[in-house]
N, C-alpha and C. Protein backbone atom coordinates (compact mmCIF):
# COMPACT_ATOMS: atom_id res chain seq x y z
N MET A 1 74.97 106.57 75.22
CA MET A 1 76.30 107.42 75.69
C MET A 1 77.55 106.34 75.82
N THR A 2 77.29 105.45 76.87
CA THR A 2 78.00 104.38 77.44
C THR A 2 78.75 103.67 76.28
N ASP A 3 77.60 103.16 75.62
CA ASP A 3 77.92 102.16 74.39
C ASP A 3 79.00 102.85 73.62
N VAL A 4 78.86 104.33 73.15
CA VAL A 4 79.59 104.86 72.31
C VAL A 4 80.87 105.02 72.81
N LYS A 5 81.14 105.36 74.04
CA LYS A 5 82.62 105.32 74.58
C LYS A 5 83.37 104.19 74.92
N ARG A 6 82.51 103.04 75.19
CA ARG A 6 83.42 101.91 75.51
C ARG A 6 84.16 101.51 74.34
N PRO A 7 83.61 101.52 72.69
CA PRO A 7 84.48 101.15 71.84
C PRO A 7 85.66 102.08 71.54
N ARG A 8 85.50 103.31 72.21
CA ARG A 8 86.67 104.43 71.80
C ARG A 8 87.73 104.03 72.50
N SER A 9 87.15 103.74 74.11
CA SER A 9 88.24 103.41 75.20
C SER A 9 89.19 102.04 74.60
N LYS A 10 88.38 101.09 74.10
CA LYS A 10 89.02 100.08 73.74
C LYS A 10 89.93 100.37 72.57
N ARG A 11 89.40 101.11 71.74
CA ARG A 11 90.50 101.38 70.71
C ARG A 11 91.79 102.26 71.27
N ARG A 12 91.49 103.01 71.93
CA ARG A 12 92.51 103.94 72.78
C ARG A 12 93.54 102.80 73.43
N GLU A 13 92.89 102.08 74.12
CA GLU A 13 93.74 100.97 74.87
C GLU A 13 94.43 99.96 73.90
N LYS A 14 93.90 99.68 72.74
CA LYS A 14 94.38 98.85 72.00
C LYS A 14 95.78 99.60 71.20
N ALA A 15 95.63 101.01 70.83
CA ALA A 15 96.54 101.83 70.43
C ALA A 15 97.53 101.96 71.15
N ALA A 16 97.34 102.06 72.55
CA ALA A 16 98.33 102.27 73.49
C ALA A 16 99.46 101.01 73.68
N ALA A 17 98.72 99.90 73.54
CA ALA A 17 99.43 98.51 73.93
C ALA A 17 100.38 98.32 72.54
N THR A 18 99.61 98.56 71.28
CA THR A 18 100.36 98.38 69.97
C THR A 18 101.86 99.33 70.15
N ARG A 19 101.57 100.36 70.59
CA ARG A 19 102.57 101.69 70.79
C ARG A 19 103.40 101.18 71.37
N GLU A 20 103.31 100.67 72.84
CA GLU A 20 103.90 100.13 73.86
C GLU A 20 104.82 98.94 73.33
N ARG A 21 104.24 97.98 72.43
CA ARG A 21 105.14 96.98 71.85
C ARG A 21 106.12 97.24 71.01
N MET A 22 105.62 98.54 70.07
CA MET A 22 106.72 98.96 69.04
C MET A 22 107.79 99.43 69.85
N LEU A 23 107.58 100.03 71.06
CA LEU A 23 108.76 100.86 71.67
C LEU A 23 109.68 99.70 72.25
N ARG A 24 109.02 98.75 73.12
CA ARG A 24 109.69 97.58 73.57
C ARG A 24 110.48 96.76 72.34
N ALA A 25 110.14 96.57 71.20
CA ALA A 25 110.59 96.03 70.14
C ALA A 25 111.90 96.63 69.42
N ALA A 26 111.49 98.17 69.49
CA ALA A 26 112.87 99.18 68.98
C ALA A 26 113.97 98.99 70.38
N ILE A 27 113.54 98.96 71.51
CA ILE A 27 114.66 98.75 72.42
C ILE A 27 115.48 97.63 72.34
N GLU A 28 114.64 96.55 72.20
CA GLU A 28 115.36 95.40 72.13
C GLU A 28 116.44 95.31 70.38
N VAL A 29 115.86 95.78 69.51
CA VAL A 29 116.18 95.71 68.30
C VAL A 29 117.62 96.67 68.29
N PHE A 30 117.62 98.02 69.02
CA PHE A 30 118.68 98.86 68.66
C PHE A 30 119.82 98.20 69.58
N ALA A 31 119.36 97.26 70.69
CA ALA A 31 120.36 96.70 72.03
C ALA A 31 121.25 95.65 71.05
N GLU A 32 120.44 95.12 70.21
CA GLU A 32 121.12 93.87 69.57
C GLU A 32 121.83 94.53 68.15
N GLU A 33 121.51 95.18 67.63
CA GLU A 33 121.94 95.70 66.25
C GLU A 33 122.61 96.99 66.37
N GLY A 34 122.44 97.75 67.47
CA GLY A 34 123.00 99.17 67.36
C GLY A 34 122.28 100.06 66.73
N TYR A 35 122.07 101.52 66.89
CA TYR A 35 121.41 102.33 66.03
C TYR A 35 121.63 102.28 64.87
N VAL A 36 122.64 102.26 64.34
CA VAL A 36 122.94 102.46 62.74
C VAL A 36 122.45 100.89 62.04
N GLY A 37 122.60 99.94 62.81
CA GLY A 37 122.21 98.54 62.23
C GLY A 37 120.84 98.34 62.42
N ALA A 38 120.02 98.83 63.26
CA ALA A 38 118.60 98.59 63.44
C ALA A 38 117.95 99.14 62.40
N ARG A 39 117.06 98.11 61.77
CA ARG A 39 116.21 98.91 60.65
C ARG A 39 114.70 98.98 61.10
N MET A 40 113.97 99.85 60.71
CA MET A 40 112.56 100.05 60.85
C MET A 40 111.89 98.48 60.34
N ALA A 41 112.13 98.13 59.51
CA ALA A 41 111.43 96.91 59.12
C ALA A 41 111.71 95.90 60.17
N ASP A 42 112.82 95.55 60.65
CA ASP A 42 113.05 94.78 61.77
C ASP A 42 112.49 94.76 62.87
N ILE A 43 112.30 96.44 63.50
CA ILE A 43 111.40 96.65 64.67
C ILE A 43 109.88 96.29 64.57
N ALA A 44 109.52 96.65 63.33
CA ALA A 44 107.95 96.25 62.91
C ALA A 44 107.73 94.91 63.19
N ALA A 45 109.01 94.04 62.32
CA ALA A 45 108.44 92.63 62.37
C ALA A 45 108.58 92.30 63.78
N ARG A 46 109.39 92.58 64.72
CA ARG A 46 109.72 92.22 66.20
C ARG A 46 108.38 92.26 66.98
N ALA A 47 107.76 93.75 66.69
CA ALA A 47 106.66 94.24 67.37
C ALA A 47 105.34 93.53 66.54
N GLY A 48 105.31 92.91 65.61
CA GLY A 48 104.28 92.10 65.24
C GLY A 48 103.53 93.06 64.52
N VAL A 49 103.92 94.23 63.66
CA VAL A 49 103.21 95.37 63.00
C VAL A 49 103.53 95.66 61.48
N ALA A 50 102.86 96.08 60.62
CA ALA A 50 103.36 96.25 59.40
C ALA A 50 104.20 97.40 59.36
N VAL A 51 105.41 97.52 58.90
CA VAL A 51 106.22 98.94 59.02
C VAL A 51 105.77 99.98 58.55
N GLN A 52 104.66 100.06 57.82
CA GLN A 52 103.67 101.39 57.64
C GLN A 52 103.28 101.74 58.98
N THR A 53 102.66 100.99 59.84
CA THR A 53 102.18 101.02 60.85
C THR A 53 103.43 101.95 62.13
N LEU A 54 104.61 101.26 62.02
CA LEU A 54 105.58 102.00 62.60
C LEU A 54 105.93 103.39 62.37
N TYR A 55 106.12 103.37 60.81
CA TYR A 55 106.42 104.70 60.38
C TYR A 55 105.06 105.96 60.68
N PHE A 56 103.90 105.05 60.40
CA PHE A 56 102.68 106.21 61.21
C PHE A 56 102.97 106.81 62.38
N VAL A 57 103.23 105.83 63.12
CA VAL A 57 103.35 106.37 64.31
C VAL A 57 104.46 107.13 64.79
N PHE A 58 105.62 106.83 64.47
CA PHE A 58 107.17 107.28 64.98
C PHE A 58 107.72 108.21 63.76
N HIS A 59 107.33 108.02 62.64
CA HIS A 59 107.71 108.76 61.32
C HIS A 59 109.42 108.79 60.90
N THR A 60 110.20 108.78 62.13
CA THR A 60 111.57 108.44 61.63
C THR A 60 112.18 107.53 62.85
N LYS A 61 113.40 107.03 62.08
CA LYS A 61 114.24 106.50 63.32
C LYS A 61 114.79 107.18 64.58
N PRO A 62 115.19 108.30 64.31
CA PRO A 62 115.39 109.33 65.14
C PRO A 62 114.15 109.87 66.04
N GLU A 63 113.17 109.79 65.58
CA GLU A 63 112.05 110.47 66.45
C GLU A 63 111.65 108.96 67.44
N LEU A 64 111.77 107.73 66.58
CA LEU A 64 111.42 106.58 67.63
C LEU A 64 112.54 106.30 68.58
N LEU A 65 113.83 106.90 68.18
CA LEU A 65 115.01 106.47 69.31
C LEU A 65 114.68 107.69 70.43
N GLN A 66 114.09 108.55 70.00
CA GLN A 66 113.82 109.73 71.26
C GLN A 66 112.51 109.10 71.82
N GLN A 67 111.48 108.37 71.32
CA GLN A 67 110.13 108.05 72.04
C GLN A 67 111.02 106.60 73.12
N CYS A 68 111.85 106.09 72.48
CA CYS A 68 112.40 105.24 73.38
C CYS A 68 113.03 105.88 74.76
N PHE A 69 113.68 106.73 74.74
CA PHE A 69 114.18 107.67 75.83
C PHE A 69 113.03 108.07 76.73
N ASP A 70 112.08 108.61 76.15
CA ASP A 70 111.02 109.11 76.80
C ASP A 70 110.15 107.77 77.44
N TYR A 71 110.10 106.88 76.69
CA TYR A 71 109.18 105.74 77.51
C TYR A 71 109.99 105.25 78.85
N ALA A 72 111.50 105.27 78.50
CA ALA A 72 112.37 104.71 79.75
C ALA A 72 112.14 105.82 81.04
N VAL A 73 112.25 107.09 80.92
CA VAL A 73 112.40 107.94 81.70
C VAL A 73 110.97 108.30 82.42
N LEU A 74 109.81 108.35 81.48
CA LEU A 74 108.16 108.53 82.11
C LEU A 74 107.90 107.18 82.55
N GLY A 75 108.31 106.18 81.91
CA GLY A 75 107.77 104.92 82.82
C GLY A 75 106.34 104.56 81.78
N PRO A 76 105.87 103.18 81.64
CA PRO A 76 104.64 102.94 80.91
C PRO A 76 103.62 103.69 81.48
N ASP A 77 103.40 104.34 82.33
CA ASP A 77 102.39 104.86 82.65
C ASP A 77 102.54 106.63 81.96
N ARG A 78 103.54 106.71 81.62
CA ARG A 78 104.00 108.26 81.45
C ARG A 78 103.46 109.04 82.64
N LEU A 79 104.40 108.96 83.86
CA LEU A 79 104.00 109.71 84.75
C LEU A 79 104.73 111.28 84.86
N ILE A 80 104.29 111.87 85.78
CA ILE A 80 104.57 113.41 85.61
C ILE A 80 105.04 113.70 87.34
N PRO A 81 105.98 114.64 87.52
CA PRO A 81 106.35 115.26 88.77
C PRO A 81 104.75 115.25 89.49
N PRO A 82 104.66 115.35 90.72
CA PRO A 82 105.84 114.69 91.58
C PRO A 82 105.68 113.18 91.44
N GLU A 83 104.75 112.61 90.69
CA GLU A 83 104.69 110.85 90.74
C GLU A 83 105.81 110.15 90.29
N GLN A 84 106.90 111.23 89.28
CA GLN A 84 107.54 110.67 88.55
C GLN A 84 108.80 110.22 89.48
N PRO A 85 109.47 109.20 89.32
CA PRO A 85 110.06 108.47 90.00
C PRO A 85 111.16 109.28 90.58
N LEU A 86 111.75 110.35 89.81
CA LEU A 86 113.00 111.30 90.25
C LEU A 86 112.64 112.37 91.76
N MET A 87 111.42 112.37 91.44
CA MET A 87 110.86 113.41 92.74
C MET A 87 110.28 112.45 93.83
N ARG A 88 109.94 111.50 93.60
CA ARG A 88 109.53 110.45 94.65
C ARG A 88 109.65 110.64 96.04
N GLY A 89 109.43 111.21 97.14
CA GLY A 89 110.01 111.19 98.23
C GLY A 89 110.84 112.21 98.69
N VAL A 90 111.75 112.96 97.37
CA VAL A 90 112.50 113.88 97.89
C VAL A 90 111.76 115.17 98.80
N PRO A 91 110.81 115.76 98.46
CA PRO A 91 110.38 116.89 99.09
C PRO A 91 109.90 116.29 100.46
N ARG A 92 109.46 115.10 100.96
CA ARG A 92 109.31 114.79 102.46
C ARG A 92 110.57 114.38 103.28
N ALA A 93 111.57 114.26 102.51
CA ALA A 93 112.72 113.84 103.21
C ALA A 93 113.13 114.49 104.53
N ARG A 94 113.75 113.89 105.54
CA ARG A 94 113.86 114.79 106.96
C ARG A 94 115.43 115.08 106.87
N SER A 95 116.09 114.83 106.13
CA SER A 95 117.67 114.77 106.06
C SER A 95 117.88 114.93 104.50
N GLY A 96 119.41 115.54 104.41
CA GLY A 96 119.55 115.71 102.98
C GLY A 96 119.95 114.21 102.63
N ARG A 97 120.35 113.32 103.26
CA ARG A 97 120.87 112.11 103.00
C ARG A 97 119.90 111.37 102.53
N ALA A 98 118.63 111.35 103.17
CA ALA A 98 117.39 110.81 102.99
C ALA A 98 116.71 111.30 101.67
N ALA A 99 117.00 112.41 101.32
CA ALA A 99 116.54 113.36 100.25
C ALA A 99 117.23 112.47 98.70
N LEU A 100 118.67 112.44 99.16
CA LEU A 100 119.24 111.77 98.04
C LEU A 100 119.19 110.41 97.86
N ARG A 101 119.14 109.91 98.95
CA ARG A 101 118.46 108.32 98.98
C ARG A 101 117.29 108.07 97.98
N ALA A 102 116.41 109.12 98.16
CA ALA A 102 115.08 109.06 97.45
C ALA A 102 115.14 109.10 95.88
N PHE A 103 115.94 110.22 95.91
CA PHE A 103 116.56 110.43 94.37
C PHE A 103 117.34 109.12 93.60
N VAL A 104 118.15 108.84 94.43
CA VAL A 104 118.92 107.53 93.68
C VAL A 104 117.89 106.37 93.38
N ALA A 105 117.05 106.18 94.36
CA ALA A 105 116.25 105.28 94.16
C ALA A 105 115.29 105.42 92.91
N GLY A 106 114.71 106.51 92.77
CA GLY A 106 113.84 106.70 91.55
C GLY A 106 114.66 106.87 90.12
N ASN A 107 116.20 107.30 90.45
CA ASN A 107 117.19 107.46 89.30
C ASN A 107 117.29 106.05 88.79
N THR A 108 117.89 105.26 89.74
CA THR A 108 117.82 103.92 89.53
C THR A 108 116.76 103.13 88.79
N GLU A 109 115.74 103.26 88.96
CA GLU A 109 114.32 102.85 88.36
C GLU A 109 114.57 103.30 87.25
N ILE A 110 114.62 104.41 86.54
CA ILE A 110 114.78 104.63 85.40
C ILE A 110 116.12 104.25 84.65
N LEU A 111 117.16 103.98 85.35
CA LEU A 111 118.46 103.72 84.91
C LEU A 111 118.21 102.49 84.38
N GLU A 112 117.75 101.50 85.00
CA GLU A 112 117.00 100.02 84.80
C GLU A 112 116.72 100.25 83.33
N ARG A 113 115.68 100.93 82.89
CA ARG A 113 114.97 100.96 81.76
C ARG A 113 115.55 101.63 80.62
N ILE A 114 116.49 102.67 80.92
CA ILE A 114 117.24 103.68 79.87
C ILE A 114 118.59 103.01 79.54
N ALA A 115 119.18 102.46 80.59
CA ALA A 115 120.84 102.38 80.33
C ALA A 115 121.33 101.79 78.80
N THR A 116 120.57 100.86 78.63
CA THR A 116 121.30 100.19 77.23
C THR A 116 120.82 100.83 76.47
N THR A 117 119.43 101.48 76.25
CA THR A 117 119.02 102.67 75.12
C THR A 117 120.47 103.59 75.28
N ASP A 118 120.48 104.37 76.01
CA ASP A 118 121.40 105.42 76.20
C ASP A 118 122.67 104.87 75.77
N GLU A 119 123.35 103.93 76.01
CA GLU A 119 124.28 103.53 75.65
C GLU A 119 124.75 103.15 74.17
N VAL A 120 123.55 102.52 73.43
CA VAL A 120 123.32 102.35 71.98
C VAL A 120 123.23 103.68 71.38
N ALA A 121 122.52 104.71 71.75
CA ALA A 121 122.78 106.15 71.29
C ALA A 121 124.16 106.80 71.41
N ARG A 122 124.66 106.52 72.58
CA ARG A 122 125.80 107.34 72.63
C ARG A 122 127.10 106.71 71.79
N ALA A 123 126.90 105.36 71.61
CA ALA A 123 128.18 104.55 70.54
C ALA A 123 127.59 105.14 68.89
N ALA A 124 126.68 106.01 68.69
CA ALA A 124 126.16 106.16 67.35
C ALA A 124 126.30 107.80 67.43
N MET A 125 127.10 108.43 68.64
CA MET A 125 127.22 109.60 68.37
C MET A 125 127.86 110.40 66.97
N HIS A 126 128.40 109.47 66.07
CA HIS A 126 129.28 110.01 65.18
C HIS A 126 127.91 110.20 63.93
N GLU A 127 126.51 109.74 64.39
CA GLU A 127 125.43 110.02 63.58
C GLU A 127 124.97 111.05 63.96
N GLN A 128 124.70 112.14 62.98
CA GLN A 128 124.15 113.46 63.55
C GLN A 128 123.03 113.03 64.25
N GLU A 129 122.02 112.57 63.54
CA GLU A 129 120.58 112.52 64.34
C GLU A 129 120.56 111.61 65.53
N ALA A 130 121.61 110.68 65.96
CA ALA A 130 121.41 110.29 67.28
C ALA A 130 122.32 111.13 68.18
N ALA A 131 123.26 111.73 67.69
CA ALA A 131 123.86 112.78 68.65
C ALA A 131 122.90 113.75 68.99
N ALA A 132 122.03 114.22 68.22
CA ALA A 132 120.81 115.20 68.53
C ALA A 132 120.24 114.72 69.64
N VAL A 133 119.82 113.43 69.65
CA VAL A 133 118.88 112.81 70.56
C VAL A 133 119.49 113.08 71.80
N VAL A 134 120.76 112.40 72.27
CA VAL A 134 121.47 112.25 73.26
C VAL A 134 121.81 113.63 73.68
N GLU A 135 122.11 114.68 72.84
CA GLU A 135 122.31 116.20 73.60
C GLU A 135 121.24 116.74 73.84
N ALA A 136 119.86 116.24 73.32
CA ALA A 136 118.57 116.96 74.07
C ALA A 136 117.86 116.10 75.20
N ASN A 137 118.42 114.99 75.45
CA ASN A 137 118.27 114.15 76.60
C ASN A 137 119.45 114.23 77.64
N GLN A 138 120.69 115.21 77.45
CA GLN A 138 121.42 115.30 78.14
C GLN A 138 120.94 116.74 79.14
N GLN A 139 120.35 117.38 78.28
CA GLN A 139 119.98 118.80 78.40
C GLN A 139 118.79 118.70 79.82
N LEU A 140 117.78 117.74 79.20
CA LEU A 140 116.69 117.42 79.96
C LEU A 140 116.92 116.76 81.23
N ARG A 141 117.97 116.11 81.20
CA ARG A 141 118.43 115.33 82.62
C ARG A 141 119.18 116.61 83.42
N ARG A 142 119.72 117.29 82.59
CA ARG A 142 120.94 118.49 83.34
C ARG A 142 119.52 119.24 84.06
N GLN A 143 118.37 119.61 83.47
CA GLN A 143 117.52 120.23 84.07
C GLN A 143 116.56 119.72 85.20
N GLY A 144 116.32 118.32 85.06
CA GLY A 144 116.07 117.87 86.26
C GLY A 144 116.35 117.54 87.26
N TYR A 145 117.92 117.38 87.15
CA TYR A 145 118.82 117.10 88.18
C TYR A 145 118.87 118.42 89.18
N ARG A 146 118.91 119.66 88.32
CA ARG A 146 119.29 120.71 88.72
C ARG A 146 118.07 121.16 89.58
N GLU A 147 117.00 120.63 89.07
CA GLU A 147 115.58 121.12 90.04
C GLU A 147 115.59 120.22 91.18
N ILE A 148 116.12 118.98 90.99
CA ILE A 148 116.05 118.51 92.57
C ILE A 148 117.04 118.98 93.16
N LEU A 149 118.07 119.21 92.82
CA LEU A 149 119.07 119.62 93.88
C LEU A 149 118.85 120.87 94.60
N GLU A 150 117.99 121.79 93.60
CA GLU A 150 117.39 123.11 94.11
C GLU A 150 116.40 122.90 95.27
N THR A 151 115.74 121.84 95.07
CA THR A 151 114.90 121.23 96.12
C THR A 151 115.27 120.71 97.44
N ILE A 152 116.39 120.14 97.36
CA ILE A 152 117.06 119.68 98.58
C ILE A 152 117.95 120.90 99.28
N ALA A 153 118.86 121.59 98.32
CA ALA A 153 119.47 123.01 98.92
C ALA A 153 118.72 123.68 99.69
N GLU A 154 117.47 124.14 99.66
CA GLU A 154 116.53 124.70 100.06
C GLU A 154 116.44 124.56 101.25
N ARG A 155 116.63 123.09 101.83
CA ARG A 155 116.56 122.64 103.27
C ARG A 155 117.83 122.13 103.90
N PHE A 156 118.80 121.46 102.94
CA PHE A 156 119.87 120.99 103.48
C PHE A 156 120.86 121.36 102.63
N PRO A 157 121.76 122.43 103.34
CA PRO A 157 122.99 123.20 102.72
C PRO A 157 123.93 122.18 101.88
N LEU A 158 124.16 122.82 100.85
CA LEU A 158 125.56 122.01 100.09
C LEU A 158 126.64 122.29 100.77
N ARG A 159 127.74 121.34 100.52
CA ARG A 159 129.10 121.38 101.10
C ARG A 159 129.73 122.94 100.69
N PRO A 160 130.35 123.78 101.60
CA PRO A 160 130.84 124.91 101.45
C PRO A 160 131.90 125.11 100.24
N GLY A 161 131.45 125.71 99.43
CA GLY A 161 132.25 126.36 98.11
C GLY A 161 131.70 125.57 97.12
N LEU A 162 130.76 124.73 96.82
CA LEU A 162 130.12 123.81 96.20
C LEU A 162 128.91 124.55 95.60
N GLU A 163 128.57 125.44 94.32
CA GLU A 163 127.48 125.81 93.96
C GLU A 163 126.57 125.11 93.11
N LEU A 164 125.61 125.39 93.03
CA LEU A 164 124.38 124.62 92.32
C LEU A 164 124.83 124.17 90.93
N ASP A 165 125.65 124.73 90.04
CA ASP A 165 125.95 124.25 88.90
C ASP A 165 127.21 123.15 88.82
N GLY A 166 127.92 123.25 89.83
CA GLY A 166 129.06 121.99 90.20
C GLY A 166 128.10 120.77 90.52
N ALA A 167 127.23 121.27 91.35
CA ALA A 167 126.75 119.79 92.12
C ALA A 167 125.74 119.19 91.07
N THR A 168 125.41 119.91 90.02
CA THR A 168 124.47 119.19 89.03
C THR A 168 125.65 118.39 88.47
N ASP A 169 126.92 118.96 87.77
CA ASP A 169 127.82 118.50 87.28
C ASP A 169 127.85 117.06 87.83
N VAL A 170 128.54 117.13 89.34
CA VAL A 170 128.70 115.87 90.08
C VAL A 170 127.57 114.80 89.68
N LEU A 171 126.49 115.39 90.03
CA LEU A 171 125.09 114.43 90.03
C LEU A 171 124.81 113.91 88.62
N LEU A 172 125.23 114.79 87.48
CA LEU A 172 125.16 113.79 86.29
C LEU A 172 126.08 112.95 86.03
N MET A 173 127.53 113.06 86.45
CA MET A 173 128.41 111.82 86.32
C MET A 173 128.36 110.91 87.22
N TYR A 174 127.74 111.02 88.61
CA TYR A 174 127.75 109.63 89.07
C TYR A 174 126.32 108.97 89.02
N GLY A 175 124.98 109.89 88.49
CA GLY A 175 124.00 109.38 88.27
C GLY A 175 123.91 108.90 86.95
N SER A 176 124.54 108.85 86.11
CA SER A 176 124.57 108.27 84.52
C SER A 176 124.29 106.99 84.47
N SER A 177 123.66 106.69 83.08
CA SER A 177 123.70 105.36 82.77
C SER A 177 125.45 104.42 82.61
N ALA A 178 126.15 105.21 82.28
CA ALA A 178 127.41 104.51 82.45
C ALA A 178 127.91 104.33 83.57
N THR A 179 127.99 104.75 84.77
CA THR A 179 128.20 104.68 85.69
C THR A 179 127.50 103.41 86.45
N TYR A 180 126.03 103.31 86.29
CA TYR A 180 125.21 102.37 86.39
C TYR A 180 125.66 101.00 86.20
N LEU A 181 125.60 101.13 84.71
CA LEU A 181 126.20 100.02 83.89
C LEU A 181 127.27 99.44 84.37
N ALA A 182 128.49 100.16 84.29
CA ALA A 182 129.80 99.65 85.11
C ALA A 182 129.79 98.80 86.18
N MET A 183 128.70 99.58 87.07
CA MET A 183 128.92 98.77 88.25
C MET A 183 128.03 97.54 88.21
N ILE A 184 126.99 97.38 87.63
CA ILE A 184 126.15 96.19 87.38
C ILE A 184 126.78 95.12 86.48
N ARG A 185 127.72 95.76 85.87
CA ARG A 185 128.61 94.69 84.71
C ARG A 185 129.65 93.98 85.80
N CYS A 186 130.14 94.81 86.74
CA CYS A 186 131.33 94.22 87.52
C CYS A 186 130.49 93.41 88.93
N GLY A 187 129.31 93.14 88.52
CA GLY A 187 128.42 92.27 89.75
C GLY A 187 127.68 92.79 90.66
N TRP A 188 127.61 94.33 90.66
CA TRP A 188 127.04 94.88 91.75
C TRP A 188 125.52 94.47 91.65
N SER A 189 124.71 94.16 92.93
CA SER A 189 123.21 94.32 92.86
C SER A 189 122.71 95.86 93.03
N ARG A 190 121.52 95.67 92.31
CA ARG A 190 121.10 97.28 92.46
C ARG A 190 120.98 97.75 94.00
N ASP A 191 120.81 96.85 94.61
CA ASP A 191 120.73 97.48 96.22
C ASP A 191 122.08 98.04 96.60
N ARG A 192 123.27 97.34 96.30
CA ARG A 192 124.62 97.93 96.74
C ARG A 192 124.99 99.01 95.86
N PHE A 193 124.50 99.17 94.39
CA PHE A 193 124.76 100.30 93.76
C PHE A 193 123.99 101.29 94.57
N GLU A 194 122.88 101.37 94.91
CA GLU A 194 121.79 102.50 95.63
C GLU A 194 122.65 102.98 96.68
N GLU A 195 123.11 102.11 97.85
CA GLU A 195 123.75 102.36 99.02
C GLU A 195 125.08 103.23 98.75
N TRP A 196 125.62 102.52 97.76
CA TRP A 196 127.22 103.27 97.40
C TRP A 196 126.81 104.67 96.81
N LEU A 197 125.77 104.64 95.93
CA LEU A 197 125.78 106.03 95.25
C LEU A 197 125.07 107.18 96.62
N THR A 198 124.59 106.48 97.29
CA THR A 198 123.80 107.24 98.03
C THR A 198 124.75 108.07 98.75
N ASP A 199 125.67 107.09 99.47
CA ASP A 199 126.97 107.65 100.01
C ASP A 199 127.76 108.51 99.56
N THR A 200 127.99 108.22 98.66
CA THR A 200 129.07 108.96 97.66
C THR A 200 128.32 110.39 97.43
N LEU A 201 127.08 110.62 96.71
CA LEU A 201 126.60 111.71 96.93
C LEU A 201 126.45 112.56 98.02
N ALA A 202 125.99 111.81 99.14
CA ALA A 202 125.87 112.60 100.58
C ALA A 202 127.27 113.25 100.65
N ARG A 203 128.70 112.67 100.74
CA ARG A 203 129.65 113.06 101.06
C ARG A 203 130.17 113.70 100.54
N THR A 204 129.91 113.80 99.14
CA THR A 204 130.34 114.97 97.76
C THR A 204 129.24 116.45 97.82
N LEU A 205 128.17 116.05 98.01
CA LEU A 205 127.29 117.29 97.91
C LEU A 205 126.90 117.88 99.19
N LEU A 206 127.06 117.28 100.20
CA LEU A 206 125.94 117.93 101.12
C LEU A 206 127.13 118.49 102.55
N ALA A 207 126.78 119.56 102.85
CA ALA A 207 127.26 120.14 104.33
C ALA A 207 127.58 119.24 105.16
N ARG A 208 126.16 118.50 105.75
CA ARG A 208 126.06 117.57 106.65
C ARG A 208 125.78 116.27 105.80
N HIS A 209 126.60 115.24 105.80
CA HIS A 209 126.40 114.25 104.91
C HIS A 209 125.47 112.77 105.71
N GLN A 210 125.09 112.91 106.91
CA GLN A 210 124.49 112.31 107.87
C GLN A 210 123.01 112.46 108.20
């Protein structure tokens, strides 16, 4: 039984490694050529696989783009809440500011992986298929951010007059790839960005921001 399981496990590990290699290649080629300019044949060549293999795993270029988003958000190990970075530390925080700091750290970890792909996809919004991917991921991000704010607001009140939907809008704006890239391209370090974003969100969202 052990001898049977080992080859199967090896095959799964090899398939997972190949899949990750194709995703990394896609992220690189999308960044270099843009969504429209990126060709599946070029991505396959970058990954060192036959183009038929790329199509077999991902089927279409829009699906490949979506899987690049999933890979960036969930990470190479495909983590789920509460292990997933966005929720790490938030439920255990002892203040609203600490909860936001934990969110910012996890969100920035994701932004480092997803920012370029998100920028590429948004630059191709005139393409219906790319626009659909952007919209789907924006809705998922809104849902995730709202759930995090609900968790925080249960223990640490939001600023008077600020409802959950409005707070989610603020979080979407400040916690976006565009904001992250703008600051990093201005020469900010990750630590400086996280400190600024934590302070900005605490002052904007919380009744008590200390």
